[in-house]
Protein backbone atom coordinates (compact mmCIF):
# COMPACT_ATOMS: atom_id res chain seq x y z
CA MET A 1 32.68 10.08 -37.94
CA ASP A 2 30.21 9.35 -35.11
CA ILE A 3 26.80 10.79 -35.90
CA ARG A 4 25.95 10.95 -32.26
CA SER A 5 28.72 13.70 -31.59
CA LEU A 6 27.00 15.99 -34.30
CA THR A 7 23.67 15.75 -32.74
CA ALA A 8 24.67 16.00 -29.08
CA PRO A 9 25.02 19.84 -29.15
CA GLN A 10 21.64 20.07 -30.42
CA GLY A 11 20.19 17.88 -27.87
CA TYR A 12 21.95 19.88 -25.01
CA SER A 13 20.79 23.16 -26.29
CA ALA A 14 17.18 21.90 -26.55
CA ALA A 15 17.34 20.42 -23.18
CA ARG A 16 15.60 22.39 -20.54
CA PRO A 17 17.59 23.02 -17.29
CA ALA A 18 16.34 21.19 -14.24
CA THR A 19 16.13 24.42 -12.18
CA ARG A 20 13.54 26.15 -14.73
CA PRO A 21 9.86 25.24 -14.09
CA ASP A 22 8.07 23.50 -16.65
CA PRO A 23 5.44 25.68 -18.02
CA GLN A 24 2.98 22.78 -18.92
CA THR A 25 2.81 21.48 -15.30
CA GLU A 26 0.16 22.89 -12.81
CA SER A 27 0.99 24.97 -9.98
CA ALA A 28 0.90 23.34 -6.44
CA GLU A 29 -2.21 25.38 -5.53
CA GLU A 30 -3.98 24.01 -8.75
CA GLY A 31 -2.70 20.44 -7.97
CA LEU A 32 -4.12 20.51 -4.35
CA LYS A 33 -7.33 21.94 -5.70
CA SER A 34 -7.76 19.07 -8.24
CA VAL A 35 -6.97 16.64 -5.51
CA ALA A 36 -9.31 17.98 -3.06
CA ALA A 37 -12.13 17.99 -5.90
CA ASP A 38 -11.38 14.43 -6.76
CA PHE A 39 -11.55 13.42 -3.07
CA ALA A 40 -14.93 15.06 -2.67
CA ALA A 41 -16.16 13.56 -5.89
CA THR A 42 -14.98 10.01 -4.77
CA LEU A 43 -16.99 10.63 -1.39
CA GLN A 44 -19.94 11.85 -3.28
CA HIS A 45 -20.03 8.99 -5.61
CA SER A 46 -19.74 6.51 -2.70
CA GLU A 47 -22.61 8.27 -0.92
CA ASN A 48 -24.95 8.19 -4.02
CA THR A 49 -24.09 4.46 -4.65
CA ALA A 50 -24.84 3.68 -0.94
CA LEU A 51 -28.20 5.47 -1.14
CA ALA A 52 -29.01 3.72 -4.44
CA ALA A 53 -28.06 0.21 -2.78
CA MET A 54 -30.28 1.00 0.09
CA THR A 55 -33.40 1.68 -2.14
CA GLY A 56 -32.49 -1.21 -4.35
CA ASP A 57 -31.44 0.55 -7.28
CA ALA A 58 -27.66 -0.55 -7.16
CA ASP A 59 -26.16 -4.03 -6.95
CA PRO A 60 -24.08 -4.99 -3.82
CA HIS A 61 -20.97 -5.35 -5.79
CA ALA A 62 -21.15 -1.57 -6.88
CA LEU A 63 -21.67 -0.74 -3.30
CA VAL A 64 -18.65 -2.88 -2.22
CA GLN A 65 -16.52 -1.36 -5.00
CA ALA A 66 -17.47 2.27 -4.04
CA LEU A 67 -16.90 1.69 -0.34
CA ALA A 68 -13.45 0.24 -1.18
CA GLN A 69 -12.63 3.35 -3.22
CA THR A 70 -13.81 5.59 -0.44
CA GLU A 71 -11.70 3.63 2.22
CA LEU A 72 -8.58 3.96 -0.04
CA ALA A 73 -9.17 7.80 -0.44
CA VAL A 74 -9.73 8.30 3.16
CA GLU A 75 -6.63 6.36 4.06
CA THR A 76 -4.65 8.30 1.57
CA ALA A 77 -5.77 11.52 2.88
CA ILE A 78 -5.01 10.50 6.42
CA THR A 79 -1.44 9.48 5.38
CA VAL A 80 -0.77 12.71 3.57
CA ARG A 81 -2.05 14.72 6.54
CA ASN A 82 0.35 12.63 8.94
CA LYS A 83 3.35 13.41 6.67
CA VAL A 84 2.40 17.16 6.74
CA VAL A 85 2.07 17.09 10.61
CA GLU A 86 5.33 15.11 10.89
CA ALA A 87 7.09 17.60 8.52
CA TYR A 88 5.69 20.65 10.51
CA GLN A 89 6.89 19.07 13.74
CA GLU A 90 10.28 18.45 12.32
CA ILE A 91 10.48 22.17 11.38
CA LEU A 92 9.51 23.28 14.66
CA ARG A 93 12.37 21.34 16.14
CA MET A 94 14.95 22.99 14.17
CA PRO A 95 17.17 25.28 15.95
CA VAL A 96 16.94 28.82 14.84
């Protein structure tokens, strides 16, 4: 007798249906809040590093690294914004 055939019903009964939301995941609103907070923190960190580099307290390597992180964050935000605008325009083109 195959042992897998005995444990399969237990696995199926324990599996969560795909249509039911996972209670451990955060809501979309909380997710957007955390993304916005991370974006703002990245910009603030870069600004602080730039100010420290201008006064001589930070090395140029840290400044370049902070600026690269900020550039990546801004490019990501712009890409997300473009996708949202594109989706909105697609919805407007739908016939009612």
